[in-house]
Amino acid sequence: MTTPILEGQASFALRGHNPDVLTCIANLSNDEVFTPPELANQMLDTVADAWADAHGGASIWQNPDVTFLDPFTKSGVFLREITARLTDGLADVIPDLQERVDHILTRQVYGIGITQLTALLARRSVYCSKDATGEHSIAKSFDRDWGNIWFERTEHTWAGDKCAYCGAGKSGYGRGDELETHAYAFIHTTDPRALLARMFGADVQFDVIIGNPPYQLDDGGAGSSAAPIYDKFVEKARSMDPRYLSLVIPARWYAGGKGLGEFRAGMLRDGRIRQLQDYPDTTDVFPGVNNRGGICVFLWDRDHPGATQVTTHEGGRITSSSSRPMLEPGLDTFVRYNEGLDILRKVVAVERPASDGLLSLPPDRQFSRLVSARKPFGLDTKMRGASASRPGYLRMYRNGGIDYIEPARVEVGRELIGAVKLFVPYASPGSDDYPHLVLSRPIVVGTGDVCSETYLVVGPFADAETARSAASYMGTQFFRFMVNLLRVSQHVTKSVYALAPTQDFAERWDDDRLAVKYGLSAADRAFMARFIKDVSWAGEFE
C-alpha cells in the first residue's frame, strides 16, 4: 500500500501492513481479549450506517466534530481504525495531512487503557509511538506523552473484603505496587463525566463510545462462575449518554449470569438496542477463546428507540435476522434464536390456549417446577463421606463417584431423601460445539439417596416408572432444545428449564409424538437437530 509522506518528516502509516500486527498478538488473559481488526471494522460500519440513516445519508467520517471514546482500550484497534477512516473522510475538510491528523488525534479520538501495558500498546498502534510527543509520533500537537490515551494506576476502594465499585475480593486484588490492580478507572467512580474531564482537560461529550470491555474478575471463580464485570462498563457507558454505544460482551446475560438480574432487566427494557449481532460460538469472533454461551455485539442508539434487529452468525455467515422486541410479553429473559422463537410460539399456543398474548408457559406447565435449586441438599462439591455403606447412612452421589454419609449432615432438602427422583448434572457436558448435548444423562434414584451440588434434583415422582418416563423425555431433542433456548453458560440452572413444558409422565414421549402435539414442521425439527445432538440414553429408560 502507499504510505503517505510529510515533507521533511518521517513517513507514517495509519493502517497496518499486511499481515496486520494486531491479528497476530496473543491475548494476555481472560479479561484482556484483543479484538480482531475485522470485528472492530464491522462494528464501525454499523455505527456509520446508523449515523447515515439519522443524518440524511451523511458520512460520520466526514464530520470534524464527532468524538469517539474507547474507555477500555487494549490493542488500540478501534482507535486506530477510527483514525484511519477519519483521515480519509476529512481530506476535503482539512486538506493538509498533518493538520488533519493532529485535529483527529487531539480533538476526536480518545481512549482509556485498562493496564499500563495495553495503554502503551494502544499508543503505539494509534500514534506509531508509545510517546505521543516523541519524534516518531504522527501527532505533532500534544504536550503530554500519553496524548489522548490515558492510563493511571487506580486502586480499589475496599468496603470490608470487597471493592465498593467492582466487587473484587481483597484477598485476590489487594496487591502491591509491583502488580496491576485491575481496578479499571472508568467504573471506579460515581461520576464518570467528572473523571473524563479530569483525564482529558475538558468536559467532552462523546458521540460514539465503542470497544470491548473486560469480562470478569477471576479471584476464585472460573469461567462462567467467575464474577462478571462487563455489565458495570455497559452501565457507566450508557450513563455518559452518547449518541451511539457499540460494545462486544459475553452473551450469557440473556438469561443467566451471576448477579446480572438487574442488568438484564435494564437491557431488555431499554428499547434503544437497535441491533444485536449474536455469535453462539465464541470462536467465530475470538479464535481460541472459550467463552461459554457465546458473544454478542450490540448497537445502542440514544435517539431512535424501537425494535431490535437480531442477527445470528454461525460459522462465518448470517443464518437468521429478524426485527423483534428484546423482551417478549410474559418473559423476563431473551430468546436467542429467531427460529426458536417461532417454535416457542407453537408450544405456548398448546400449553396456554387462552389468547392473552403472553409468550410464557403457565407456572404449572413449566418443567422448572420439578427442578431443585443449586445445592439441593446443602452439600457442596468438596463434601466427602465413607467409601462403603454403613448402617443408617445415606448414599451420596458426588462428582466422580458415590460416598456414604450420616443423615445429620443433610441440612436442607430432607423431604426429598425418601422420594423417587432424578439426579441431573448441574454442568452442561462437552464444549460449545454444535450439535450440543445440553444435558448429561439423568440418574434414576430412590429412597435414601442424596447428592452434592454437582447435581440438581428433578422430582419427586410417584414411582420409578414415572421417573424413568421423565428421564426419557429429558433425552428428546425437543426437550433439550427448549432448555437450550435459555441456556447461555455451562451451568444448567433451574431457571433455564422454564420454557420446557412438563408432560403426563404416565405416558412415554419421543420426538415424533412431541412434534405432533405441538405442530412442529419438518423445518422446525431440522432446526432443532442443528443445535441438539441425538442421544442414545433417551431410550435406555424403557
Protein backbone atom coordinates (compact mmCIF):
# COMPACT_ATOMS: atom_id res chain seq x y z
CA MET A 1 0.00 0.00 0.00
CA THR A 2 1.05 3.60 -0.44
CA THR A 3 2.40 5.24 2.70
CA PRO A 4 1.72 9.00 2.99
CA ILE A 5 4.86 11.14 3.28
CA LEU A 6 5.08 14.51 5.00
CA GLU A 7 7.71 16.84 3.61
CA GLY A 8 10.77 16.91 5.86
CA GLN A 9 9.35 14.29 8.22
CA ALA A 10 9.46 10.53 8.63
CA SER A 11 6.81 8.51 6.84
CA PHE A 12 3.95 7.03 8.76
CA ALA A 13 1.10 4.62 8.11
CA LEU A 14 -2.32 4.82 9.69
CA ARG A 15 -3.21 1.27 8.69
CA GLY A 16 -1.13 -1.78 9.45
CA HIS A 17 0.98 -3.63 6.93
CA ASN A 18 -0.16 -6.99 5.65
CA PRO A 19 -0.36 -9.04 7.81
CA ASP A 20 -1.81 -6.65 10.36
CA VAL A 21 0.23 -6.98 13.54
CA LEU A 22 -2.96 -6.72 15.63
CA THR A 23 -4.17 -10.01 14.16
CA CYS A 24 -1.03 -11.74 15.43
CA ILE A 25 -0.76 -10.80 19.10
CA ALA A 26 -1.87 -13.25 21.76
CA ASN A 27 -4.45 -12.48 24.43
CA LEU A 28 -2.91 -11.54 27.76
CA SER A 29 -5.63 -13.12 29.94
CA ASN A 30 -9.33 -13.96 30.01
CA ASP A 31 -10.21 -10.32 30.68
CA GLU A 32 -7.74 -8.92 28.17
CA VAL A 33 -9.06 -10.46 24.96
CA PHE A 34 -7.88 -8.45 21.98
CA THR A 35 -10.48 -7.52 19.38
CA PRO A 36 -9.72 -8.73 15.83
CA PRO A 37 -9.47 -5.80 13.37
CA GLU A 38 -12.17 -7.39 11.20
CA LEU A 39 -14.69 -7.30 14.05
CA ALA A 40 -13.70 -3.74 15.01
CA ASN A 41 -14.35 -2.62 11.45
CA GLN A 42 -17.70 -4.38 11.30
CA MET A 43 -18.74 -2.53 14.45
CA LEU A 44 -17.57 0.77 12.98
CA ASP A 45 -19.53 0.05 9.79
CA THR A 46 -22.66 -0.47 11.88
CA VAL A 47 -22.16 2.85 13.67
CA ALA A 48 -21.53 4.61 10.35
CA ASP A 49 -24.71 3.15 8.85
CA ALA A 50 -26.77 4.27 11.84
CA TRP A 51 -25.29 7.76 11.63
CA ALA A 52 -26.07 7.97 7.90
CA ASP A 53 -29.66 6.82 8.47
CA ALA A 54 -30.15 9.54 11.08
CA HIS A 55 -28.37 12.30 9.13
CA GLY A 56 -29.76 12.09 5.61
CA GLY A 57 -27.01 9.84 4.31
CA ALA A 58 -24.12 11.94 5.65
CA SER A 59 -20.86 10.18 6.46
CA ILE A 60 -19.73 10.23 10.06
CA TRP A 61 -16.15 10.09 8.79
CA GLN A 62 -16.55 13.48 7.07
CA ASN A 63 -17.57 15.26 10.25
CA PRO A 64 -14.70 17.01 12.09
CA ASP A 65 -16.74 17.49 15.25
CA VAL A 66 -17.75 13.91 16.09
CA THR A 67 -15.91 12.49 19.11
CA PHE A 68 -15.06 8.86 19.83
CA LEU A 69 -14.10 7.10 23.07
CA ASP A 70 -12.83 3.60 23.74
CA PRO A 71 -12.92 3.54 27.57
CA PHE A 72 -11.27 0.10 27.81
CA THR A 73 -8.70 0.13 25.06
CA LYS A 74 -6.26 -2.77 24.84
CA SER A 75 -4.56 -3.09 21.45
CA GLY A 76 -5.90 0.28 20.25
CA VAL A 77 -7.55 -1.34 17.24
CA PHE A 78 -10.78 0.69 17.49
CA LEU A 79 -8.94 3.99 17.82
CA ARG A 80 -6.55 3.09 15.02
CA GLU A 81 -9.33 2.20 12.60
CA ILE A 82 -11.35 5.30 13.54
CA THR A 83 -8.30 7.46 12.92
CA ALA A 84 -7.70 5.84 9.53
CA ARG A 85 -11.31 6.37 8.46
CA LEU A 86 -11.36 9.99 9.59
CA THR A 87 -8.06 10.64 7.83
CA ASP A 88 -9.64 9.56 4.56
CA GLY A 89 -13.03 11.16 5.21
CA LEU A 90 -11.79 14.61 6.26
CA ALA A 91 -9.43 15.07 3.32
CA ASP A 92 -11.66 17.74 1.75
CA VAL A 93 -12.49 19.42 5.06
CA ILE A 94 -8.87 19.66 6.25
CA PRO A 95 -6.67 19.24 3.13
CA ASP A 96 -3.29 19.41 4.89
CA LEU A 97 -2.45 15.89 6.07
CA GLN A 98 -0.50 16.82 9.18
CA GLU A 99 -3.10 19.35 10.27
CA ARG A 100 -5.80 16.77 9.66
CA VAL A 101 -4.05 14.06 11.67
CA ASP A 102 -3.39 16.46 14.55
CA HIS A 103 -7.02 17.54 14.58
CA ILE A 104 -8.27 13.94 14.65
CA LEU A 105 -5.90 12.74 17.35
CA THR A 106 -6.21 15.76 19.64
CA ARG A 107 -9.92 16.56 19.27
CA GLN A 108 -11.79 13.48 18.07
CA VAL A 109 -10.19 10.22 19.24
CA TYR A 110 -9.85 9.30 22.93
CA GLY A 111 -9.05 6.16 24.87
CA ILE A 112 -8.54 4.80 28.38
CA GLY A 113 -6.05 1.96 28.78
CA ILE A 114 -7.06 -0.92 31.05
CA THR A 115 -3.47 -1.59 32.13
CA GLN A 116 -0.14 0.16 31.72
CA LEU A 117 0.94 -2.39 29.12
CA THR A 118 -2.20 -2.10 27.00
CA ALA A 119 -2.07 1.70 27.18
CA LEU A 120 1.46 1.62 25.74
CA LEU A 121 0.36 -0.86 23.08
CA ALA A 122 -2.61 1.32 22.12
CA ARG A 123 -0.45 4.44 21.83
CA ARG A 124 1.94 2.52 19.62
CA SER A 125 -0.98 1.42 17.42
CA VAL A 126 -2.52 4.89 17.13
CA TYR A 127 0.41 7.33 17.35
CA CYS A 128 3.05 4.94 16.00
CA SER A 129 4.92 5.68 19.22
CA LYS A 130 4.35 4.91 22.88
CA ASP A 131 5.24 8.58 23.45
CA ALA A 132 2.70 10.85 21.76
CA THR A 133 5.25 13.69 21.85
CA GLY A 134 8.16 11.61 20.55
CA GLU A 135 9.95 12.08 17.26
CA HIS A 136 8.23 9.09 15.69
CA SER A 137 4.73 10.09 16.75
CA ILE A 138 2.41 11.01 13.90
CA ALA A 139 0.78 13.58 16.17
CA LYS A 140 2.70 16.85 16.48
CA SER A 141 0.47 18.92 18.77
CA PHE A 142 0.42 17.04 22.06
CA ASP A 143 2.15 18.43 25.13
CA ARG A 144 1.75 15.18 27.11
CA ASP A 145 3.39 11.87 26.34
CA TRP A 146 0.17 9.89 26.69
CA GLY A 147 -1.70 12.03 24.18
CA ASN A 148 -5.38 11.20 24.44
CA ILE A 149 -4.88 7.59 25.54
CA TRP A 150 -4.93 7.86 29.32
CA PHE A 151 -3.81 5.45 31.96
CA GLU A 152 -3.01 5.93 35.62
CA ARG A 153 -2.88 3.27 38.28
CA THR A 154 -6.20 3.14 40.11
CA GLU A 155 -6.71 1.48 43.47
CA HIS A 156 -9.73 -0.45 44.66
CA THR A 157 -11.90 1.09 47.35
CA TRP A 158 -12.27 -1.60 49.97
CA ALA A 159 -15.54 -1.93 51.84
CA GLY A 160 -14.71 -4.83 54.10
CA ASP A 161 -13.27 -7.62 51.95
CA LYS A 162 -14.82 -6.38 48.66
CA CYS A 163 -14.27 -3.39 46.40
CA ALA A 164 -17.19 -0.98 46.69
CA TYR A 165 -17.16 -0.31 42.93
CA CYS A 166 -16.41 -3.59 41.17
CA GLY A 167 -16.81 -6.27 43.85
CA ALA A 168 -13.23 -7.53 43.56
CA GLY A 169 -12.13 -9.58 46.54
CA LYS A 170 -9.45 -8.01 48.69
CA SER A 171 -7.70 -11.36 49.09
CA GLY A 172 -7.19 -11.62 45.33
CA TYR A 173 -6.76 -8.00 44.29
CA GLY A 174 -5.24 -6.30 47.34
CA ARG A 175 -1.84 -6.13 45.68
CA GLY A 176 1.47 -4.38 45.99
CA ASP A 177 2.81 -1.78 43.58
CA GLU A 178 4.61 -4.42 41.53
CA LEU A 179 1.33 -5.87 40.16
CA GLU A 180 -1.58 -4.44 38.20
CA THR A 181 -4.61 -3.76 40.38
CA HIS A 182 -7.17 -4.34 37.61
CA ALA A 183 -9.15 -1.52 39.22
CA TYR A 184 -10.45 -0.03 36.00
CA ALA A 185 -10.79 3.74 36.32
CA PHE A 186 -13.94 4.03 34.19
CA ILE A 187 -16.01 2.03 36.67
CA HIS A 188 -14.26 3.09 39.87
CA THR A 189 -16.10 6.37 40.13
CA THR A 190 -19.58 7.66 40.85
CA ASP A 191 -19.18 10.46 38.30
CA PRO A 192 -17.62 9.28 35.03
CA ARG A 193 -18.14 12.69 33.40
CA ALA A 194 -16.01 14.39 36.03
CA LEU A 195 -13.41 11.63 35.70
CA LEU A 196 -13.17 12.09 31.93
CA ALA A 197 -12.99 15.87 32.30
CA ARG A 198 -10.05 15.38 34.65
CA MET A 199 -8.40 12.96 32.25
CA PHE A 200 -8.69 14.99 29.09
CA GLY A 201 -8.85 18.53 30.43
CA ALA A 202 -12.31 19.36 29.15
CA ASP A 203 -15.92 18.28 29.56
CA VAL A 204 -16.07 16.27 26.33
CA GLN A 205 -19.46 14.90 25.28
CA PHE A 206 -18.66 11.75 23.36
CA ASP A 207 -20.83 10.98 20.36
CA VAL A 208 -19.65 7.37 19.99
CA ILE A 209 -18.45 5.02 22.73
CA ILE A 210 -17.15 1.77 21.31
CA GLY A 211 -14.99 -1.11 22.46
CA ASN A 212 -14.54 -4.48 24.12
CA PRO A 213 -14.58 -4.26 27.95
CA PRO A 214 -13.03 -6.72 30.40
CA TYR A 215 -15.48 -9.55 31.01
CA GLN A 216 -14.91 -10.87 34.51
CA LEU A 217 -13.00 -10.77 37.77
CA ASP A 218 -11.43 -14.13 38.45
CA ASP A 219 -10.35 -14.19 42.08
CA GLY A 220 -11.68 -17.59 42.97
CA GLY A 221 -14.31 -18.39 40.37
CA ALA A 222 -13.54 -19.86 36.99
CA GLY A 223 -15.08 -19.40 33.58
CA SER A 224 -18.80 -18.75 33.81
CA SER A 225 -18.68 -18.91 37.63
CA ALA A 226 -16.22 -16.00 37.91
CA ALA A 227 -17.84 -12.68 38.77
CA PRO A 228 -18.91 -10.75 35.64
CA ILE A 229 -17.76 -7.16 35.33
CA TYR A 230 -18.74 -6.19 31.78
CA ASP A 231 -22.18 -5.10 32.97
CA LYS A 232 -20.60 -2.32 35.03
CA PHE A 233 -18.80 -0.97 31.95
CA VAL A 234 -22.02 -1.02 29.93
CA GLU A 235 -23.93 0.86 32.62
CA LYS A 236 -21.22 3.51 33.00
CA ALA A 237 -21.06 3.96 29.24
CA ARG A 238 -24.83 4.39 28.98
CA SER A 239 -24.71 6.95 31.79
CA MET A 240 -22.43 9.06 29.57
CA ASP A 241 -25.39 9.45 27.18
CA PRO A 242 -23.50 9.04 23.88
CA ARG A 243 -25.38 9.11 20.61
CA TYR A 244 -24.19 5.59 19.89
CA LEU A 245 -22.81 2.83 22.08
CA SER A 246 -21.39 -0.29 20.46
CA LEU A 247 -19.80 -2.98 22.62
CA VAL A 248 -18.84 -6.65 22.35
CA ILE A 249 -19.70 -8.59 25.51
CA PRO A 250 -20.47 -12.18 26.58
CA ALA A 251 -23.98 -13.31 25.65
CA ARG A 252 -24.75 -15.08 28.91
CA TRP A 253 -26.58 -12.01 30.23
CA TYR A 254 -29.54 -13.00 28.01
CA ALA A 255 -30.86 -15.43 30.61
CA GLY A 256 -28.20 -16.10 33.24
CA GLY A 257 -25.01 -14.86 34.81
CA LYS A 258 -24.01 -14.30 38.41
CA GLY A 259 -25.56 -11.08 39.73
CA LEU A 260 -26.86 -9.96 36.33
CA GLY A 261 -30.60 -9.90 37.05
CA GLU A 262 -30.90 -6.13 37.33
CA PHE A 263 -28.58 -5.56 34.40
CA ARG A 264 -30.54 -7.98 32.21
CA ALA A 265 -33.85 -6.32 33.07
CA GLY A 266 -32.42 -2.90 32.24
CA MET A 267 -31.00 -4.03 28.91
CA LEU A 268 -34.14 -5.85 27.81
CA ARG A 269 -36.44 -2.95 28.72
CA ASP A 270 -34.19 -0.17 27.45
CA GLY A 271 -35.70 -0.01 23.95
CA ARG A 272 -32.61 1.60 22.41
CA ILE A 273 -30.68 -1.53 21.47
CA ARG A 274 -31.34 -1.30 17.75
CA GLN A 275 -29.02 -4.09 16.60
CA LEU A 276 -27.85 -7.28 18.26
CA GLN A 277 -25.28 -9.40 16.46
CA ASP A 278 -25.32 -12.81 18.16
CA TYR A 279 -22.46 -15.33 17.93
CA PRO A 280 -23.40 -18.55 19.76
CA ASP A 281 -19.91 -19.92 19.10
CA THR A 282 -17.29 -17.60 20.62
CA THR A 283 -14.58 -18.89 18.28
CA ASP A 284 -16.41 -17.29 15.36
CA VAL A 285 -15.31 -13.97 16.90
CA PHE A 286 -12.30 -14.80 19.05
CA PRO A 287 -10.45 -17.86 17.71
CA GLY A 288 -9.05 -19.97 20.50
CA VAL A 289 -11.12 -18.31 23.24
CA ASN A 290 -13.61 -20.49 25.13
CA ASN A 291 -16.32 -18.20 26.48
CA ARG A 292 -19.26 -20.45 27.24
CA GLY A 293 -22.53 -19.13 25.87
CA GLY A 294 -21.04 -17.13 23.04
CA ILE A 295 -20.55 -13.45 22.33
CA CYS A 296 -22.80 -10.61 21.23
CA VAL A 297 -22.24 -7.17 19.74
CA PHE A 298 -24.91 -4.56 20.30
CA LEU A 299 -25.59 -1.08 18.96
CA TRP A 300 -27.40 1.25 21.35
CA ASP A 301 -28.95 4.27 19.64
CA ARG A 302 -29.85 7.05 22.06
CA ASP A 303 -32.24 8.98 19.84
CA HIS A 304 -34.03 6.20 17.97
CA PRO A 305 -35.73 3.64 20.24
CA GLY A 306 -37.60 0.78 18.64
CA ALA A 307 -37.43 -2.89 17.76
CA THR A 308 -34.11 -4.71 17.65
CA GLN A 309 -32.63 -6.29 14.55
CA VAL A 310 -31.46 -9.63 15.92
CA THR A 311 -28.92 -11.33 13.65
CA THR A 312 -27.41 -14.75 14.25
CA HIS A 313 -23.93 -15.58 12.95
CA GLU A 314 -22.73 -19.15 12.62
CA GLY A 315 -19.52 -20.35 11.00
CA GLY A 316 -18.76 -17.01 9.42
CA ARG A 317 -22.17 -16.46 7.87
CA ILE A 318 -25.52 -14.94 8.81
CA THR A 319 -28.09 -17.67 9.38
CA SER A 320 -31.02 -15.57 10.57
CA SER A 321 -32.07 -11.95 11.01
CA SER A 322 -35.33 -10.58 12.36
CA SER A 323 -36.65 -7.30 13.76
CA ARG A 324 -38.34 -8.00 17.09
CA PRO A 325 -38.61 -6.83 20.71
CA MET A 326 -35.78 -7.76 23.02
CA LEU A 327 -38.35 -8.76 25.61
CA GLU A 328 -41.39 -10.75 24.54
CA PRO A 329 -44.63 -10.43 26.58
CA GLY A 330 -44.62 -12.75 29.57
CA LEU A 331 -40.86 -13.40 29.51
CA ASP A 332 -38.09 -11.94 31.64
CA THR A 333 -35.27 -13.32 29.51
CA PHE A 334 -34.19 -13.00 25.89
CA VAL A 335 -34.96 -15.84 23.47
CA ARG A 336 -31.79 -16.22 21.49
CA TYR A 337 -32.78 -17.74 18.16
CA ASN A 338 -35.32 -16.20 15.81
CA GLU A 339 -36.39 -19.66 14.63
CA GLY A 340 -36.53 -20.78 18.25
CA LEU A 341 -38.98 -18.00 18.97
CA ASP A 342 -41.29 -19.41 16.29
CA ILE A 343 -41.07 -22.88 17.86
CA LEU A 344 -41.77 -21.41 21.29
CA ARG A 345 -44.91 -19.71 19.95
CA LYS A 346 -46.21 -23.08 18.76
CA VAL A 347 -45.55 -24.67 22.15
CA VAL A 348 -47.17 -21.83 24.07
CA ALA A 349 -50.22 -21.97 21.77
CA VAL A 350 -50.82 -25.53 23.02
CA GLU A 351 -49.86 -25.02 26.66
CA ARG A 352 -51.55 -21.62 27.07
CA PRO A 353 -54.69 -21.79 24.90
CA ALA A 354 -56.11 -18.50 26.23
CA SER A 355 -55.22 -15.68 23.82
CA ASP A 356 -53.61 -13.35 26.36
CA GLY A 357 -50.56 -12.58 24.21
CA LEU A 358 -48.07 -13.91 26.73
CA LEU A 359 -45.16 -15.96 25.41
CA SER A 360 -44.50 -17.95 28.57
CA LEU A 361 -45.72 -21.26 29.90
CA PRO A 362 -48.24 -21.26 32.76
CA PRO A 363 -46.39 -21.93 36.04
CA ASP A 364 -47.96 -25.37 36.45
CA ARG A 365 -46.77 -26.36 32.96
CA GLN A 366 -43.12 -25.36 33.42
CA PHE A 367 -40.69 -28.24 33.86
CA SER A 368 -38.65 -25.94 36.11
CA ARG A 369 -41.21 -26.52 38.89
CA LEU A 370 -39.81 -30.07 39.13
CA VAL A 371 -36.18 -28.91 39.31
CA SER A 372 -34.40 -28.04 42.53
CA ALA A 373 -32.24 -25.04 43.20
CA ARG A 374 -28.48 -25.41 43.26
CA LYS A 375 -27.06 -27.46 46.15
CA PRO A 376 -30.38 -29.30 46.74
CA PHE A 377 -29.24 -30.99 49.96
CA GLY A 378 -26.85 -28.26 51.10
CA LEU A 379 -23.81 -30.43 50.27
CA ASP A 380 -21.03 -28.68 48.38
CA THR A 381 -18.77 -30.19 45.75
CA LYS A 382 -15.98 -30.90 48.23
CA MET A 383 -18.21 -32.98 50.51
CA ARG A 384 -16.84 -36.47 51.09
CA GLY A 385 -18.06 -39.41 53.16
CA ALA A 386 -17.30 -43.05 53.75
CA SER A 387 -16.33 -45.18 50.79
CA ALA A 388 -18.53 -48.09 51.90
CA SER A 389 -22.09 -48.22 53.17
CA ARG A 390 -22.76 -48.26 56.89
CA PRO A 391 -25.99 -48.90 58.79
CA GLY A 392 -28.30 -45.88 58.59
CA TYR A 393 -26.06 -43.95 56.18
CA LEU A 394 -27.32 -42.24 53.03
CA ARG A 395 -25.85 -42.82 49.61
CA MET A 396 -24.39 -39.55 48.26
CA TYR A 397 -23.79 -39.04 44.55
CA ARG A 398 -20.90 -36.67 44.03
CA ASN A 399 -18.54 -35.61 41.28
CA GLY A 400 -16.55 -38.69 40.36
CA GLY A 401 -18.33 -41.30 42.42
CA ILE A 402 -20.51 -42.29 45.35
CA ASP A 403 -19.88 -41.90 49.09
CA TYR A 404 -21.97 -42.62 52.18
CA ILE A 405 -22.82 -40.02 54.82
CA GLU A 406 -24.74 -39.68 58.06
CA PRO A 407 -28.28 -38.27 57.68
CA ALA A 408 -27.41 -35.49 60.14
CA ARG A 409 -25.10 -33.93 57.54
CA VAL A 410 -28.11 -33.14 55.34
CA GLU A 411 -29.44 -29.76 56.46
CA VAL A 412 -31.83 -28.90 53.60
CA GLY A 413 -33.98 -30.88 51.19
CA ARG A 414 -34.66 -33.58 53.75
CA GLU A 415 -38.17 -34.06 52.34
CA LEU A 416 -36.57 -35.40 49.14
CA ILE A 417 -34.49 -38.09 50.84
CA GLY A 418 -37.29 -40.62 50.87
CA ALA A 419 -38.62 -39.77 47.40
CA VAL A 420 -38.12 -41.32 43.97
CA LYS A 421 -36.29 -38.70 41.93
CA LEU A 422 -33.76 -37.94 39.23
CA PHE A 423 -30.28 -36.51 39.64
CA VAL A 424 -29.13 -34.48 36.63
CA PRO A 425 -25.64 -32.93 36.46
CA TYR A 426 -25.60 -29.17 37.02
CA ALA A 427 -22.94 -28.60 34.35
CA SER A 428 -23.63 -28.97 30.66
CA PRO A 429 -21.34 -31.60 29.10
CA GLY A 430 -18.88 -31.09 26.29
CA SER A 431 -17.69 -27.98 24.50
CA ASP A 432 -19.78 -25.29 22.87
CA ASP A 433 -19.57 -27.05 19.51
CA TYR A 434 -22.91 -27.80 17.87
CA PRO A 435 -24.87 -30.00 17.85
CA HIS A 436 -24.71 -29.98 21.65
CA LEU A 437 -25.80 -32.47 24.32
CA VAL A 438 -27.11 -29.67 26.61
CA LEU A 439 -27.78 -32.17 29.43
CA SER A 440 -25.99 -35.19 30.78
CA ARG A 441 -27.86 -38.44 31.34
CA PRO A 442 -30.18 -38.26 34.38
CA ILE A 443 -29.83 -40.86 37.10
CA VAL A 444 -32.96 -42.52 38.49
CA VAL A 445 -32.58 -42.76 42.27
CA GLY A 446 -34.82 -43.70 45.14
CA THR A 447 -35.13 -43.51 48.88
CA GLY A 448 -32.03 -42.86 50.90
CA ASP A 449 -30.14 -41.16 48.07
CA VAL A 450 -28.77 -37.59 48.19
CA CYS A 451 -26.29 -35.65 46.09
CA SER A 452 -23.69 -32.91 46.27
CA GLU A 453 -24.11 -29.67 44.30
CA THR A 454 -22.69 -31.50 41.27
CA TYR A 455 -26.32 -32.45 40.62
CA LEU A 456 -29.78 -30.92 40.67
CA VAL A 457 -32.82 -32.92 41.75
CA VAL A 458 -35.76 -33.46 39.38
CA GLY A 459 -38.95 -34.69 41.02
CA PRO A 460 -40.26 -36.11 43.23
CA PHE A 461 -42.13 -38.78 41.29
CA ALA A 462 -44.78 -41.26 42.39
CA ASP A 463 -42.71 -44.28 41.40
CA ALA A 464 -39.64 -45.39 39.47
CA GLU A 465 -41.60 -45.97 36.25
CA THR A 466 -42.79 -42.34 36.22
CA ALA A 467 -39.23 -41.17 36.92
CA ARG A 468 -37.92 -43.24 34.02
CA SER A 469 -40.56 -41.73 31.74
CA ALA A 470 -39.44 -38.22 32.74
CA ALA A 471 -35.79 -39.15 32.16
CA SER A 472 -36.65 -40.47 28.72
CA TYR A 473 -38.47 -37.22 27.91
CA MET A 474 -35.40 -35.24 29.01
CA GLY A 475 -33.44 -37.09 26.35
CA THR A 476 -35.60 -35.88 23.45
CA GLN A 477 -34.19 -33.24 21.14
CA PHE A 478 -37.34 -31.22 21.72
CA PHE A 479 -36.86 -31.03 25.49
CA ARG A 480 -33.17 -30.20 25.32
CA PHE A 481 -33.82 -27.57 22.64
CA MET A 482 -36.36 -25.82 24.85
CA VAL A 483 -33.82 -25.85 27.67
CA ASN A 484 -31.15 -24.56 25.31
CA LEU A 485 -33.27 -21.52 24.43
CA LEU A 486 -32.38 -20.13 27.85
CA ARG A 487 -29.03 -21.84 28.47
CA VAL A 488 -26.22 -19.36 27.89
CA SER A 489 -23.49 -20.83 30.05
CA GLN A 490 -22.13 -24.19 31.12
CA HIS A 491 -24.43 -24.23 34.13
CA VAL A 492 -27.92 -25.63 33.57
CA THR A 493 -29.77 -23.96 36.41
CA LYS A 494 -33.38 -24.37 37.49
CA SER A 495 -34.42 -21.23 35.59
CA VAL A 496 -33.34 -22.50 32.16
CA TYR A 497 -35.99 -25.25 32.32
CA ALA A 498 -38.79 -22.64 32.37
CA LEU A 499 -39.64 -22.90 28.64
CA ALA A 500 -39.66 -26.70 28.57
CA PRO A 501 -43.23 -27.93 29.15
CA THR A 502 -43.94 -30.75 31.54
CA GLN A 503 -45.86 -33.78 30.31
CA ASP A 504 -48.03 -36.57 31.66
CA PHE A 505 -45.28 -38.97 32.66
CA ALA A 506 -47.68 -41.85 33.00
CA GLU A 507 -47.05 -41.96 29.23
CA ARG A 508 -43.85 -42.20 27.20
CA TRP A 509 -42.76 -39.33 24.96
CA ASP A 510 -40.47 -39.23 21.95
CA ASP A 511 -39.70 -36.54 19.36
CA ASP A 512 -42.23 -37.84 16.85
CA ARG A 513 -45.06 -37.69 19.34
CA LEU A 514 -43.99 -34.26 20.61
CA ALA A 515 -43.85 -32.91 17.06
CA VAL A 516 -47.46 -33.95 16.54
CA LYS A 517 -48.59 -32.46 19.85
CA TYR A 518 -47.05 -29.06 19.16
CA GLY A 519 -47.49 -28.91 15.39
CA LEU A 520 -43.78 -28.79 14.63
CA SER A 521 -42.85 -28.87 10.96
CA ALA A 522 -40.03 -30.78 9.34
CA ALA A 523 -38.15 -27.47 9.13
CA ASP A 524 -38.63 -26.93 12.88
CA ARG A 525 -37.25 -30.36 13.64
CA ALA A 526 -34.33 -29.88 11.29
CA PHE A 527 -33.51 -26.59 13.02
CA MET A 528 -33.53 -28.25 16.43
CA ALA A 529 -31.31 -31.04 15.14
CA ARG A 530 -28.72 -28.46 14.03
CA PHE A 531 -28.17 -27.48 17.63
CA ILE A 532 -29.13 -30.53 19.68
CA LYS A 533 -27.27 -33.81 19.44
CA ASP A 534 -29.27 -37.02 19.33
CA VAL A 535 -28.56 -39.17 22.39
CA SER A 536 -28.74 -42.87 22.96
CA TRP A 537 -29.79 -42.66 26.58
CA ALA A 538 -33.29 -41.39 25.74
CA GLY A 539 -34.26 -44.99 25.02
CA GLU A 540 -32.39 -46.55 27.91
CA PHE A 541 -35.22 -45.86 30.34
CA GLU A 542 -37.70 -48.10 28.57
